[in-house]
Protein backbone atom coordinates (compact mmCIF):
# COMPACT_ATOMS: atom_id res chain seq x y z
CA MET A 1 6.66 13.08 5.16
CA TYR A 2 8.76 12.75 2.02
CA VAL A 3 8.96 10.56 -1.09
CA GLN A 4 11.48 7.82 -1.54
CA LEU A 5 12.38 6.52 -4.94
CA ASP A 6 13.14 2.89 -5.58
CA ILE A 7 15.12 2.95 -8.80
CA GLU A 8 16.35 0.34 -11.23
CA ILE A 9 18.54 1.24 -14.37
CA ARG A 10 18.15 -1.18 -17.24
CA PRO A 11 19.19 -1.28 -20.96
CA LYS A 12 16.66 0.23 -23.32
CA ASN A 13 13.82 -2.27 -24.02
CA ALA A 14 15.40 -5.06 -21.92
CA ILE A 15 12.66 -7.67 -21.13
CA ASP A 16 14.14 -10.80 -19.56
CA GLU A 17 16.89 -11.28 -16.99
CA GLU A 18 19.48 -12.13 -19.52
CA GLU A 19 19.01 -8.66 -21.21
CA MET A 20 19.15 -6.67 -18.01
CA ASN A 21 22.89 -6.29 -18.03
CA LYS A 22 23.43 -5.89 -21.84
CA PHE A 23 24.21 -2.22 -22.08
CA SER A 24 25.82 -0.74 -25.18
CA LYS A 25 29.52 0.27 -24.72
CA ARG A 26 28.54 3.89 -24.41
CA MET A 27 25.64 3.36 -22.02
CA ARG A 28 27.77 0.97 -19.93
CA LYS A 29 30.25 3.82 -19.34
CA VAL A 30 27.26 6.11 -18.35
CA VAL A 31 25.73 3.65 -15.81
CA ASP A 32 29.11 2.77 -14.30
CA GLU A 33 29.83 6.43 -13.74
CA PHE A 34 26.48 6.89 -12.25
CA ASP A 35 26.96 3.82 -10.02
CA ILE A 36 30.28 5.49 -8.66
CA ASN A 37 28.64 8.85 -8.08
CA PHE A 38 25.60 7.22 -6.34
CA LYS A 39 27.12 4.27 -4.56
CA GLU A 40 25.87 5.56 -1.19
CA TYR A 41 22.41 4.98 -2.54
CA ARG A 42 22.95 1.48 -3.95
CA VAL A 43 20.93 -1.32 -2.63
CA ARG A 44 21.79 -5.08 -2.86
CA ARG A 45 19.50 -6.82 -5.24
CA LYS A 46 19.59 -9.36 -8.11
CA HIS A 47 19.61 -6.47 -10.50
CA TYR A 48 22.99 -4.68 -9.95
CA TYR A 49 22.05 -1.10 -10.77
CA SER A 50 19.30 -0.67 -8.09
CA TYR A 51 19.12 2.32 -5.76
CA LYS A 52 17.05 4.14 -3.01
CA ILE A 53 16.99 7.90 -2.96
CA LYS A 54 14.93 10.05 -0.66
CA ALA A 55 13.53 13.38 -1.80
CA ILE A 56 15.32 15.00 1.09
CA ASP A 57 18.73 13.45 0.04
CA GLU A 58 21.48 15.65 -1.54
CA GLY A 59 21.48 13.20 -4.56
CA TYR A 60 17.85 13.55 -5.30
CA GLU A 61 18.09 16.50 -7.63
CA ARG A 62 21.20 15.06 -9.31
CA PHE A 63 19.35 11.88 -10.04
CA MET A 64 16.41 13.80 -11.45
CA GLU A 65 18.84 15.57 -13.78
CA PHE A 66 20.27 12.17 -14.79
CA ASN A 67 16.84 10.88 -15.43
CA GLU A 68 15.88 13.88 -17.60
CA THR A 69 19.10 13.39 -19.62
CA TYR A 70 19.06 9.65 -20.23
CA LYS A 71 15.35 8.62 -19.91
CA ARG A 72 15.07 8.20 -23.69
CA LYS A 73 18.35 6.23 -23.94
CA LEU A 74 17.91 3.95 -20.90
CA ASP A 75 14.91 2.40 -19.09
CA ILE A 76 15.10 4.05 -15.72
CA ALA A 77 12.30 2.47 -13.65
CA ILE A 78 11.22 4.56 -10.77
CA TYR A 79 8.89 3.41 -8.00
CA PRO A 80 8.02 6.34 -5.62
CA TYR A 81 6.38 5.75 -2.28
CA THR A 82 5.69 8.09 0.60
CA ILE A 83 7.56 7.83 3.91
CA TYR A 84 5.48 9.10 6.83
CA GLU A 85 7.09 10.59 9.87
CA LYS A 86 6.20 10.85 13.64
CA GLN A 87 4.42 14.15 13.26
CA ASP A 88 2.31 12.80 10.41
CA TYR A 89 1.05 10.04 12.72
CA GLU A 90 0.49 12.51 15.52
CA ALA A 91 -1.61 14.83 13.36
CA ALA A 92 -3.67 12.01 11.81
CA SER A 93 -7.32 11.32 12.59
CA ALA A 94 -7.48 7.72 10.98
CA PHE A 95 -5.22 5.16 9.62
CA VAL A 96 -4.90 2.46 6.94
CA LEU A 97 -3.10 -0.17 8.87
CA GLU A 98 -0.29 -1.98 7.06
CA PHE A 99 2.00 -4.59 8.69
CA THR A 100 5.26 -5.76 7.37
CA ASN A 101 4.50 -9.41 7.24
CA GLN A 102 2.73 -11.07 4.35
CA CYS A 103 -0.25 -13.49 4.00
CA ASP A 104 -2.63 -14.62 1.28
CA TYR A 105 -5.67 -16.71 0.44
CA TYR A 106 -5.62 -20.27 -0.85
CA ASP A 107 -6.09 -20.48 -4.63
CA GLY A 108 -5.87 -23.00 -7.37
CA TYR A 109 -8.03 -26.08 -8.15
CA ASP A 110 -6.57 -28.19 -5.27
CA PHE A 111 -7.71 -25.51 -2.68
CA GLU A 112 -11.08 -24.61 -4.30
CA LYS A 113 -12.99 -25.49 -1.16
CA TYR A 114 -10.93 -23.10 0.84
CA ASP A 115 -11.65 -20.16 -1.57
CA CYS A 116 -13.45 -17.59 0.64
CA LEU A 117 -13.29 -14.53 -1.73
CA LYS A 118 -16.69 -13.58 -3.03
CA THR A 119 -17.44 -11.17 -5.88
CA ASP A 120 -19.05 -7.93 -4.69
CA SER A 121 -19.06 -6.35 -8.15
CA ALA A 122 -17.88 -8.20 -11.23
CA ALA A 123 -18.18 -4.96 -13.30
CA LEU A 124 -15.71 -3.10 -10.97
CA GLY A 125 -13.55 -6.09 -10.20
CA GLN A 126 -14.39 -5.92 -6.45
CA TRP A 127 -14.38 -8.82 -4.05
CA TYR A 128 -14.40 -9.48 -0.23
CA PRO A 129 -13.64 -12.43 2.03
CA MET A 130 -16.72 -14.07 3.48
CA PRO A 131 -16.78 -16.36 6.48
CA PRO A 132 -15.55 -18.97 6.93
CA ILE A 133 -12.26 -17.30 5.96
CA TYR A 134 -9.18 -19.36 5.27
CA ILE A 135 -5.79 -17.66 5.13
CA LYS A 136 -2.33 -19.00 4.28
CA LEU A 137 0.58 -17.78 6.43
CA PRO A 138 4.12 -18.22 5.10
CA THR A 139 6.72 -19.49 7.36
CA LYS A 140 8.17 -16.14 8.47
CA THR A 141 4.51 -14.92 9.18
CA ARG A 142 3.72 -18.14 11.14
CA LYS A 143 6.71 -17.48 13.40
CA ALA A 144 5.81 -13.79 13.90
CA PHE A 145 2.23 -14.92 14.78
CA GLU A 146 3.56 -16.76 17.71
CA HIS A 147 3.77 -13.33 19.28
CA MET A 148 1.64 -10.12 18.96
CA ASP A 149 1.93 -9.24 15.31
CA GLY A 150 0.04 -8.82 12.03
CA ALA A 151 0.21 -9.28 8.22
CA ILE A 152 -1.33 -7.95 5.11
CA THR A 153 -2.56 -9.60 1.95
CA PRO A 154 -1.65 -8.40 -1.59
CA ASP A 155 -4.75 -6.19 -1.45
CA PHE A 156 -3.58 -4.61 1.84
CA GLU A 157 -6.16 -6.38 4.15
CA SER A 158 -5.02 -6.59 7.72
CA TYR A 159 -4.87 -9.94 9.73
CA ILE A 160 -3.60 -10.07 13.30
CA SER A 161 -2.21 -12.87 15.40
CA PRO A 162 -4.38 -14.63 18.04
CA LYS A 163 -2.24 -13.23 20.82
CA LEU A 164 -2.67 -9.58 19.52
CA TYR A 165 -6.36 -10.29 19.11
CA LYS A 166 -6.56 -11.40 22.79
CA TYR A 167 -4.80 -8.39 23.89
CA LEU A 168 -7.03 -6.04 22.03
CA ILE A 169 -10.20 -7.84 23.34
CA ASP A 170 -8.79 -7.48 26.92
CA CYS A 171 -8.27 -3.70 26.14
CA GLY A 172 -12.00 -3.41 25.53
CA ILE A 173 -12.22 -3.62 21.71
CA ASP A 174 -15.41 -5.44 20.79
CA LYS A 175 -15.29 -8.80 19.05
CA GLU A 176 -17.58 -7.48 16.24
CA TYR A 177 -14.49 -5.74 14.68
CA PHE A 178 -12.69 -9.10 14.00
CA LYS A 179 -13.41 -12.34 12.02
CA GLU A 180 -11.75 -15.64 12.59
CA ALA A 181 -9.48 -16.92 9.90
CA TYR A 182 -8.60 -20.60 9.64
CA LYS A 183 -5.81 -22.64 8.06
CA LYS A 184 -6.89 -25.40 5.72
CA GLY A 185 -7.74 -28.76 7.08
CA LYS A 186 -10.63 -30.44 9.01
CA ASP A 187 -9.64 -29.07 12.43
CA ARG A 188 -10.66 -25.46 11.64
CA GLU A 189 -7.74 -24.09 13.58
CA ILE A 190 -7.86 -20.36 14.04
CA VAL A 191 -4.47 -18.86 12.86
CA ALA A 192 -5.50 -15.18 12.51
CA TYR A 193 -8.25 -12.63 12.76
CA ARG A 194 -9.20 -10.20 10.08
CA LEU A 195 -9.94 -6.56 10.97
CA TRP A 196 -13.68 -6.37 10.05
CA GLY A 197 -15.44 -3.08 9.11
CA ARG A 198 -18.05 -4.40 6.77
CA GLU A 199 -20.94 -3.42 9.15
CA HIS A 200 -19.44 0.04 9.61
CA VAL A 201 -19.16 1.56 6.18
CA LEU A 202 -18.13 5.23 5.92
CA PRO A 203 -20.38 7.60 4.12
CA ALA A 204 -19.93 8.13 0.45
CA GLU A 205 -17.14 10.53 -0.65
CA SER A 206 -15.93 10.93 2.82
CA LEU A 207 -12.50 9.27 2.43
CA PHE A 208 -9.98 10.22 -0.22
CA GLU A 209 -6.85 7.98 -0.32
CA PHE A 210 -5.27 10.18 -2.88
CA ASN A 211 -4.40 13.85 -3.17
CA ARG A 212 -7.59 15.82 -3.57
CA ASP A 213 -6.19 17.91 -6.47
CA TYR A 214 -5.83 14.74 -8.58
CA ASP A 215 -8.55 13.68 -11.08
CA PHE A 216 -10.42 10.65 -9.95
CA ALA A 217 -13.66 9.43 -11.42
CA TRP A 218 -16.50 7.85 -9.20
CA CYS A 219 -17.41 4.68 -11.06
CA TYR A 220 -20.78 3.24 -9.96
CA ASP A 221 -22.17 -0.25 -10.55
CA PRO A 222 -25.97 0.13 -10.64
CA ASP A 223 -26.45 -3.70 -10.15
CA THR A 224 -24.70 -3.91 -6.84
CA GLY A 225 -24.37 -0.30 -5.58
CA TYR A 226 -20.64 -0.55 -5.25
CA VAL A 227 -18.28 2.26 -6.19
CA LYS A 228 -14.70 2.44 -7.19
CA TRP A 229 -12.30 5.36 -7.65
CA VAL A 230 -10.58 5.39 -10.88
CA ARG A 231 -7.73 7.71 -11.92
CA GLU A 232 -8.81 9.74 -15.02
CA ASP A 233 -5.99 9.77 -17.74
CA ASP A 234 -5.64 12.05 -20.72
CA THR A 235 -6.51 9.58 -23.40
CA GLU A 236 -6.29 12.14 -26.13
CA ARG A 237 -2.55 12.45 -26.03
CA GLU A 238 0.08 9.89 -26.88
CA TYR A 239 2.46 8.95 -24.09
CA GLU A 240 6.10 8.80 -24.57
CA PRO A 241 7.68 5.31 -23.81
CA TRP A 242 9.67 6.66 -20.86
CA GLU A 243 6.59 7.84 -19.14
CA PHE A 244 5.75 4.23 -18.50
CA ASN A 245 8.73 3.81 -16.32
CA LEU A 246 7.35 6.03 -13.62
CA TYR A 247 5.24 3.77 -11.34
CA GLY A 248 3.52 6.40 -9.13
CA GLN A 249 3.56 10.01 -8.31
CA LEU A 250 6.56 12.21 -7.27
CA GLU A 251 4.61 14.12 -4.63
CA PRO A 252 3.81 12.71 -1.28
CA VAL A 253 0.30 10.96 -0.97
CA VAL A 254 -1.76 12.92 1.59
CA PRO A 255 -5.01 11.03 2.22
CA THR A 256 -7.94 13.01 3.88
CA ILE A 257 -11.21 12.21 5.50
CA THR A 258 -14.19 14.51 5.97
CA LYS A 259 -15.88 15.44 9.34
CA GLU A 260 -18.75 13.14 8.27
CA GLY A 261 -16.27 10.31 7.91
CA ILE A 262 -14.78 10.91 11.28
CA ASP A 263 -18.17 11.09 12.90
CA ALA A 264 -19.12 7.73 11.41
CA LEU A 265 -15.67 6.09 12.03
CA SER A 266 -15.76 2.98 14.42
CA TYR A 267 -12.73 1.25 15.76
CA VAL A 268 -12.74 -0.46 12.32
CA SER A 269 -14.69 0.85 9.28
CA ASP A 270 -14.69 0.01 5.59
CA SER A 271 -14.49 2.86 3.01
CA PHE A 272 -17.57 3.31 0.85
CA GLU A 273 -15.57 3.40 -2.40
CA ALA A 274 -12.80 1.00 -3.34
CA LEU A 275 -9.50 2.33 -4.68
CA GLY A 276 -8.35 -1.10 -5.89
CA ASN A 277 -10.08 -4.49 -5.76
CA MET A 278 -11.44 -4.07 -2.35
CA ARG A 279 -12.76 -1.53 0.02
CA SER A 280 -10.18 -0.15 2.32
CA THR A 281 -10.24 -0.94 6.04
CA ILE A 282 -9.79 2.19 8.25
CA ILE A 283 -9.00 2.21 11.95
CA ASN A 284 -9.43 4.98 14.46
CA PRO A 285 -6.56 6.44 16.53
CA GLU A 286 -7.37 4.54 19.72
CA LEU A 287 -7.00 1.07 18.04
CA PHE A 288 -3.95 2.30 16.16
CA GLN A 289 -2.27 3.30 19.36
CA LEU A 290 -3.01 -0.03 21.01
CA ILE A 291 -1.64 -1.91 18.09
CA LYS A 292 1.43 0.37 17.67
CA GLU A 293 2.43 -0.20 21.26
CA LYS A 294 2.74 -4.02 20.73
CA VAL A 295 3.84 -3.96 17.10
CA PRO A 296 6.14 -0.86 16.64
CA SER A 297 7.05 -2.00 13.08
CA VAL A 298 3.53 -1.04 11.98
CA MET A 299 4.79 2.57 11.80
CA LYS A 300 6.93 1.54 8.79
CA ARG A 301 3.95 1.20 6.34
CA THR A 302 0.73 2.41 7.97
CA ILE A 303 -0.83 5.38 6.10
CA PRO A 304 -2.14 8.36 8.12
CA ILE A 305 -5.27 9.93 7.06
CA PHE A 306 -5.84 13.71 7.91
CA GLN A 307 -9.26 15.24 8.66
CA GLY A 308 -10.47 17.92 6.25
CA GLU A 309 -7.48 19.65 4.88
CA PRO A 310 -3.81 18.47 5.31
CA PRO A 311 -2.04 20.00 8.37
CA GLU A 312 -0.41 23.41 8.05
CA TYR A 313 3.13 21.95 7.98
CA ILE A 314 2.22 20.00 4.82
CA LYS A 315 0.54 23.00 2.96
CA GLY A 316 3.95 24.66 2.35
CA PRO A 317 6.59 23.27 -0.04
CA VAL A 318 6.92 19.59 0.46
CA ALA A 319 9.89 17.73 -1.04
CA PRO A 320 10.11 17.22 -3.93
């Protein structure tokens, strides 16, 4: 595993699109020279000065030096994310499934009767879809769902196509791990199935979707019993403006699960704690293998979870 940086270089304090290319004469010279030196990492986007650099690339250290030199003179937006490799998936004991296609729920006044999201904890900002579930598939996803495929919502919930659902049922996976999802309309046409682990919740503090040496607080809602992990920040110190341009951590994310969590893990289970707005859905290796065989692209984003401690090959120096 390694970290990949998604980078955009912008003029200082630029807000709207018109300002994104208005560098001072001196900074224009700096970014143009950077662009020449890092042209192999450039990516085609609306914003010209955009790059992707892996922590294992030769240019990574050079970029970090550039960032240290100019982070107070330019807005250098850095979006790090972890790239997992074959050995990580082979060593994993559970998975957070993530497809490459997108889907979402109906929202807005006109679609109020199709709103299936119910609040689990208002205090923690947690919700969950409750049957009947209605889901909106973009055109690209609808075409993908003519075959065996899947999609995720903005909260990383997994929905699978009817053909993939049938295949998994034929392979012996029980129907209790899926919930029908319909498109809007009177016909109640099933267009997808949500992976469903609500009846198979993992034990408390058995899943850690973050590095264990990071400081997360266990926030409990006594009215509902729901819990959410929240990153603890040092509120006593003042943050430098450039610190807000780093949107994540520069170390690989190594999620872990305890033995108690593995013992309780079904084909599909929900985490006890939420890390965002919703409890995470976890699947076991057998189900992941079945899905991976039919949807190889799921390897691009699925997050492996390791039992107990990270594997030995991760315990040594890991780039960066």
